[in-house]
């Protein structure tokens, strides 16, 4: 989804940010602060989330913060639905998913044991 939307808008999206590396020079405004915020949401560290939320707000505005929180909440919802229903990957998309899994180094996560990629 990110790849397609980036291609449609001619945006330069650096996937290294997903793996915790800095994204200086990319087209995503406040990328480092957004990534820190997303990481704090995912790790459920309340003190880190507070600090990241304040940092993101200091470099952007309330609209950006609300949008980031809404996106994080939506992804949490989608992941829980997918995990609980056991949505299988179809053969047509396996190659595309495999490329994304490699690019994002997703096999490093323990939960990847349950994914047949």
N, C-alpha and C. Protein backbone atom coordinates (compact mmCIF):
# COMPACT_ATOMS: atom_id res chain seq x y z
N UNK A 1 0.82 -1.18 0.00
CA UNK A 1 0.00 0.00 0.00
C UNK A 1 0.87 1.25 0.00
N UNK A 2 1.87 1.29 0.86
CA UNK A 2 2.77 2.44 0.91
C UNK A 2 3.50 2.60 -0.41
N UNK A 3 3.96 1.49 -0.97
CA UNK A 3 4.69 1.55 -2.23
C UNK A 3 3.81 2.13 -3.33
N UNK A 4 2.58 1.67 -3.42
CA UNK A 4 1.68 2.13 -4.48
C UNK A 4 1.33 3.59 -4.29
N UNK A 5 1.00 4.00 -3.07
CA UNK A 5 0.66 5.41 -2.86
C UNK A 5 1.86 6.30 -3.11
N UNK A 6 3.05 5.84 -2.78
CA UNK A 6 4.26 6.63 -3.05
C UNK A 6 4.48 6.77 -4.55
N UNK A 7 4.26 5.69 -5.30
CA UNK A 7 4.41 5.75 -6.75
C UNK A 7 3.38 6.69 -7.38
N UNK A 8 2.16 6.66 -6.86
CA UNK A 8 1.09 7.50 -7.43
C UNK A 8 1.35 8.99 -7.17
N UNK A 9 2.01 9.31 -6.07
CA UNK A 9 2.26 10.72 -5.73
C UNK A 9 3.69 11.13 -6.05
N UNK A 10 4.46 10.24 -6.65
CA UNK A 10 5.88 10.49 -6.95
C UNK A 10 6.67 10.88 -5.70
N UNK A 11 6.32 10.27 -4.59
CA UNK A 11 7.02 10.55 -3.33
C UNK A 11 8.20 9.60 -3.17
N UNK A 12 9.24 10.09 -2.53
CA UNK A 12 10.42 9.28 -2.24
C UNK A 12 10.26 8.73 -0.83
N UNK A 13 9.86 7.47 -0.70
CA UNK A 13 9.66 6.87 0.61
C UNK A 13 10.82 5.92 0.86
N UNK A 14 11.54 6.18 1.92
CA UNK A 14 12.71 5.39 2.28
C UNK A 14 12.30 4.32 3.28
N UNK A 15 12.26 3.07 2.86
CA UNK A 15 11.83 1.99 3.74
C UNK A 15 12.83 1.68 4.85
N UNK A 16 14.02 2.25 4.76
CA UNK A 16 14.99 2.03 5.84
C UNK A 16 14.45 2.57 7.17
N UNK A 17 13.61 3.58 7.11
CA UNK A 17 13.03 4.15 8.32
C UNK A 17 12.25 3.09 9.09
N UNK A 18 11.59 2.19 8.38
CA UNK A 18 10.81 1.15 9.03
C UNK A 18 11.71 0.27 9.90
N UNK A 19 12.95 0.14 9.51
CA UNK A 19 13.90 -0.68 10.27
C UNK A 19 14.71 0.14 11.27
N UNK A 20 14.25 1.35 11.57
CA UNK A 20 14.86 2.14 12.63
C UNK A 20 15.99 3.05 12.21
N UNK A 21 16.24 3.16 10.92
CA UNK A 21 17.30 4.04 10.44
C UNK A 21 16.71 5.42 10.13
N UNK A 22 17.52 6.45 10.20
CA UNK A 22 17.05 7.81 9.93
C UNK A 22 16.64 7.96 8.47
N UNK A 23 15.68 8.84 8.22
CA UNK A 23 15.17 9.05 6.87
C UNK A 23 15.38 10.48 6.42
N UNK A 24 16.52 11.05 6.73
CA UNK A 24 16.79 12.42 6.31
C UNK A 24 16.80 12.51 4.80
N UNK A 25 16.17 13.55 4.28
CA UNK A 25 16.17 13.78 2.85
C UNK A 25 15.02 13.15 2.11
N UNK A 26 14.16 12.39 2.78
CA UNK A 26 13.00 11.79 2.13
C UNK A 26 11.87 12.79 2.02
N UNK A 27 10.80 12.37 1.37
CA UNK A 27 9.66 13.25 1.14
C UNK A 27 8.62 13.20 2.25
N UNK A 28 8.82 12.41 3.28
CA UNK A 28 7.84 12.32 4.37
C UNK A 28 8.24 13.32 5.45
N UNK A 29 7.39 14.34 5.60
CA UNK A 29 7.67 15.36 6.62
C UNK A 29 7.63 14.74 8.01
N UNK A 30 8.59 15.11 8.84
CA UNK A 30 8.67 14.66 10.24
C UNK A 30 8.81 13.14 10.34
N UNK A 31 9.49 12.54 9.38
CA UNK A 31 9.57 11.08 9.31
C UNK A 31 10.16 10.46 10.57
N UNK A 32 11.23 11.02 11.09
CA UNK A 32 11.86 10.43 12.27
C UNK A 32 10.93 10.51 13.48
N UNK A 33 10.25 11.64 13.63
CA UNK A 33 9.32 11.80 14.76
C UNK A 33 8.11 10.88 14.61
N UNK A 34 7.62 10.73 13.38
CA UNK A 34 6.50 9.82 13.14
C UNK A 34 6.89 8.37 13.44
N UNK A 35 8.12 8.00 13.05
CA UNK A 35 8.56 6.63 13.30
C UNK A 35 8.72 6.38 14.80
N UNK A 36 9.26 7.35 15.50
CA UNK A 36 9.41 7.20 16.95
C UNK A 36 8.04 7.07 17.62
N UNK A 37 7.08 7.87 17.16
CA UNK A 37 5.72 7.80 17.69
C UNK A 37 5.11 6.43 17.42
N UNK A 38 5.25 5.94 16.20
CA UNK A 38 4.70 4.62 15.84
C UNK A 38 5.35 3.51 16.67
N UNK A 39 6.64 3.61 16.88
CA UNK A 39 7.34 2.61 17.68
C UNK A 39 6.84 2.63 19.12
N UNK A 40 6.65 3.82 19.66
CA UNK A 40 6.15 3.94 21.04
C UNK A 40 4.74 3.38 21.16
N UNK A 41 3.91 3.59 20.14
CA UNK A 41 2.57 3.01 20.15
C UNK A 41 2.67 1.49 20.15
N UNK A 42 3.50 0.94 19.28
CA UNK A 42 3.61 -0.51 19.12
C UNK A 42 4.21 -1.18 20.35
N UNK A 43 5.12 -0.50 21.03
CA UNK A 43 5.76 -1.10 22.21
C UNK A 43 4.98 -0.86 23.49
N UNK A 44 3.96 0.00 23.41
CA UNK A 44 3.08 0.29 24.55
C UNK A 44 3.83 0.83 25.76
N UNK A 45 4.85 1.63 25.48
CA UNK A 45 5.61 2.27 26.55
C UNK A 45 5.01 3.66 26.79
N UNK A 46 4.22 3.80 27.86
CA UNK A 46 3.49 5.04 28.10
C UNK A 46 4.38 6.27 28.23
N UNK A 47 5.49 6.15 28.92
CA UNK A 47 6.36 7.32 29.09
C UNK A 47 7.02 7.70 27.75
N UNK A 48 7.42 6.69 26.98
CA UNK A 48 8.02 6.96 25.67
C UNK A 48 6.95 7.52 24.72
N UNK A 49 5.74 7.01 24.79
CA UNK A 49 4.66 7.52 23.95
C UNK A 49 4.38 8.98 24.26
N UNK A 50 4.36 9.34 25.52
CA UNK A 50 4.15 10.74 25.90
C UNK A 50 5.25 11.62 25.33
N UNK A 51 6.49 11.19 25.49
CA UNK A 51 7.63 11.97 24.97
C UNK A 51 7.57 12.10 23.45
N UNK A 52 7.26 11.00 22.77
CA UNK A 52 7.20 11.02 21.30
C UNK A 52 6.03 11.86 20.80
N UNK A 53 4.93 11.78 21.50
CA UNK A 53 3.76 12.59 21.13
C UNK A 53 4.10 14.08 21.26
N UNK A 54 4.76 14.46 22.33
CA UNK A 54 5.16 15.85 22.52
C UNK A 54 6.18 16.29 21.49
N UNK A 55 7.13 15.40 21.16
CA UNK A 55 8.14 15.72 20.16
C UNK A 55 7.51 15.91 18.78
N UNK A 56 6.59 15.03 18.41
CA UNK A 56 5.91 15.15 17.13
C UNK A 56 5.09 16.44 17.07
N UNK A 57 4.40 16.75 18.13
CA UNK A 57 3.61 17.97 18.19
C UNK A 57 4.49 19.21 18.10
N UNK A 58 5.69 19.15 18.66
CA UNK A 58 6.59 20.32 18.64
C UNK A 58 7.15 20.62 17.25
N UNK A 59 7.24 19.59 16.39
CA UNK A 59 7.79 19.81 15.05
C UNK A 59 6.70 19.91 13.98
N UNK A 60 5.44 19.61 14.36
CA UNK A 60 4.36 19.64 13.39
C UNK A 60 3.19 20.45 13.95
N UNK A 61 2.01 19.85 13.99
CA UNK A 61 0.85 20.51 14.58
C UNK A 61 -0.13 19.44 15.05
N UNK A 62 -1.22 19.88 15.67
CA UNK A 62 -2.19 18.94 16.24
C UNK A 62 -2.82 18.05 15.18
N UNK A 63 -3.03 18.58 13.98
CA UNK A 63 -3.63 17.78 12.90
C UNK A 63 -2.74 16.60 12.53
N UNK A 64 -1.44 16.83 12.44
CA UNK A 64 -0.50 15.74 12.13
C UNK A 64 -0.51 14.70 13.24
N UNK A 65 -0.52 15.15 14.48
CA UNK A 65 -0.54 14.23 15.62
C UNK A 65 -1.81 13.39 15.63
N UNK A 66 -2.95 14.02 15.41
CA UNK A 66 -4.22 13.28 15.38
C UNK A 66 -4.24 12.28 14.22
N UNK A 67 -3.76 12.70 13.05
CA UNK A 67 -3.71 11.78 11.91
C UNK A 67 -2.80 10.59 12.21
N UNK A 68 -1.65 10.85 12.82
CA UNK A 68 -0.72 9.76 13.15
C UNK A 68 -1.35 8.79 14.15
N UNK A 69 -2.03 9.32 15.15
CA UNK A 69 -2.68 8.46 16.14
C UNK A 69 -3.81 7.65 15.50
N UNK A 70 -4.55 8.27 14.58
CA UNK A 70 -5.64 7.55 13.90
C UNK A 70 -5.09 6.43 13.02
N UNK A 71 -4.00 6.68 12.31
CA UNK A 71 -3.38 5.65 11.47
C UNK A 71 -2.87 4.51 12.35
N UNK A 72 -2.22 4.85 13.45
CA UNK A 72 -1.71 3.81 14.36
C UNK A 72 -2.85 2.97 14.90
N UNK A 73 -3.93 3.61 15.31
CA UNK A 73 -5.08 2.88 15.83
C UNK A 73 -5.70 1.98 14.77
N UNK A 74 -5.79 2.49 13.56
CA UNK A 74 -6.37 1.70 12.47
C UNK A 74 -5.51 0.47 12.17
N UNK A 75 -4.20 0.63 12.15
CA UNK A 75 -3.33 -0.51 11.88
C UNK A 75 -3.42 -1.53 13.01
N UNK A 76 -3.49 -1.07 14.25
CA UNK A 76 -3.65 -2.00 15.37
C UNK A 76 -4.93 -2.82 15.18
N UNK A 77 -6.00 -2.16 14.77
CA UNK A 77 -7.28 -2.82 14.55
C UNK A 77 -7.16 -3.85 13.43
N UNK A 78 -6.57 -3.45 12.32
CA UNK A 78 -6.47 -4.37 11.17
C UNK A 78 -5.62 -5.58 11.49
N UNK A 79 -4.52 -5.38 12.20
CA UNK A 79 -3.65 -6.49 12.55
C UNK A 79 -4.37 -7.48 13.47
N UNK A 80 -5.11 -6.97 14.42
CA UNK A 80 -5.84 -7.85 15.33
C UNK A 80 -6.91 -8.65 14.60
N UNK A 81 -7.59 -8.01 13.67
CA UNK A 81 -8.61 -8.72 12.88
C UNK A 81 -7.94 -9.81 12.04
N UNK A 82 -6.86 -9.45 11.36
CA UNK A 82 -6.17 -10.42 10.51
C UNK A 82 -5.63 -11.58 11.33
N UNK A 83 -5.01 -11.27 12.47
CA UNK A 83 -4.46 -12.34 13.31
C UNK A 83 -5.56 -13.25 13.86
N UNK A 84 -6.67 -12.67 14.27
CA UNK A 84 -7.70 -13.49 14.89
C UNK A 84 -8.49 -14.32 13.90
N UNK A 85 -8.55 -13.89 12.65
CA UNK A 85 -9.29 -14.66 11.65
C UNK A 85 -8.40 -15.59 10.85
N UNK A 86 -7.09 -15.42 10.94
CA UNK A 86 -6.17 -16.29 10.21
C UNK A 86 -6.25 -16.11 8.71
N UNK A 87 -6.33 -14.88 8.25
CA UNK A 87 -6.46 -14.59 6.83
C UNK A 87 -5.26 -15.19 6.08
N UNK A 88 -5.51 -16.09 5.13
CA UNK A 88 -4.41 -16.70 4.38
C UNK A 88 -3.92 -15.78 3.26
N UNK A 89 -2.68 -15.95 2.87
CA UNK A 89 -2.13 -15.21 1.73
C UNK A 89 -2.39 -16.04 0.47
N UNK A 90 -2.95 -15.40 -0.55
CA UNK A 90 -3.21 -16.14 -1.78
C UNK A 90 -1.94 -16.23 -2.62
N UNK A 91 -1.91 -17.24 -3.49
CA UNK A 91 -0.72 -17.52 -4.30
C UNK A 91 -0.33 -16.35 -5.20
N UNK A 92 -1.31 -15.61 -5.70
CA UNK A 92 -1.03 -14.49 -6.59
C UNK A 92 -0.21 -13.39 -5.92
N UNK A 93 -0.41 -13.23 -4.63
CA UNK A 93 0.26 -12.14 -3.92
C UNK A 93 1.53 -12.57 -3.18
N UNK A 94 1.79 -13.86 -3.13
CA UNK A 94 2.93 -14.36 -2.37
C UNK A 94 4.24 -13.72 -2.81
N UNK A 95 4.46 -13.58 -4.11
CA UNK A 95 5.71 -12.99 -4.60
C UNK A 95 5.84 -11.54 -4.15
N UNK A 96 4.76 -10.76 -4.28
CA UNK A 96 4.77 -9.37 -3.86
C UNK A 96 5.03 -9.26 -2.35
N UNK A 97 4.36 -10.09 -1.57
CA UNK A 97 4.54 -10.07 -0.13
C UNK A 97 5.97 -10.47 0.25
N UNK A 98 6.50 -11.44 -0.46
CA UNK A 98 7.85 -11.90 -0.18
C UNK A 98 8.87 -10.77 -0.38
N UNK A 99 8.68 -9.98 -1.43
CA UNK A 99 9.57 -8.84 -1.68
C UNK A 99 9.48 -7.84 -0.53
N UNK A 100 8.26 -7.55 -0.08
CA UNK A 100 8.08 -6.61 1.03
C UNK A 100 8.67 -7.17 2.32
N UNK A 101 8.47 -8.46 2.56
CA UNK A 101 9.03 -9.10 3.76
C UNK A 101 10.54 -8.98 3.77
N UNK A 102 11.18 -9.20 2.63
CA UNK A 102 12.63 -9.07 2.55
C UNK A 102 13.08 -7.62 2.73
N UNK A 103 12.40 -6.69 2.07
CA UNK A 103 12.78 -5.27 2.14
C UNK A 103 12.64 -4.72 3.55
N UNK A 104 11.64 -5.19 4.28
CA UNK A 104 11.40 -4.69 5.64
C UNK A 104 12.03 -5.56 6.72
N UNK A 105 12.73 -6.62 6.28
CA UNK A 105 13.40 -7.53 7.21
C UNK A 105 12.43 -8.08 8.26
N UNK A 106 11.24 -8.48 7.83
CA UNK A 106 10.21 -8.92 8.75
C UNK A 106 10.45 -10.29 9.36
N UNK A 107 11.31 -11.07 8.74
CA UNK A 107 11.57 -12.41 9.29
C UNK A 107 12.34 -12.35 10.61
N UNK A 108 12.83 -11.18 10.97
CA UNK A 108 13.56 -11.03 12.24
C UNK A 108 12.63 -11.07 13.45
N UNK A 109 11.31 -10.95 13.22
CA UNK A 109 10.36 -10.94 14.31
C UNK A 109 9.89 -12.36 14.63
N UNK A 110 9.75 -12.65 15.90
CA UNK A 110 9.34 -13.98 16.36
C UNK A 110 8.01 -14.40 15.72
N UNK A 111 7.08 -13.47 15.57
CA UNK A 111 5.77 -13.81 15.03
C UNK A 111 5.83 -14.24 13.58
N UNK A 112 6.94 -14.00 12.89
CA UNK A 112 7.04 -14.40 11.49
C UNK A 112 7.10 -15.91 11.33
N UNK A 113 7.31 -16.62 12.43
CA UNK A 113 7.33 -18.09 12.37
C UNK A 113 6.00 -18.64 11.87
N UNK A 114 4.93 -17.89 12.05
CA UNK A 114 3.60 -18.34 11.68
C UNK A 114 3.21 -17.93 10.27
N UNK A 115 4.11 -17.26 9.56
CA UNK A 115 3.82 -16.79 8.21
C UNK A 115 4.60 -17.64 7.23
N UNK A 116 3.93 -18.20 6.24
CA UNK A 116 4.60 -19.14 5.33
C UNK A 116 5.44 -18.49 4.24
N UNK A 117 6.03 -17.33 4.49
CA UNK A 117 6.87 -16.68 3.49
C UNK A 117 8.32 -17.01 3.72
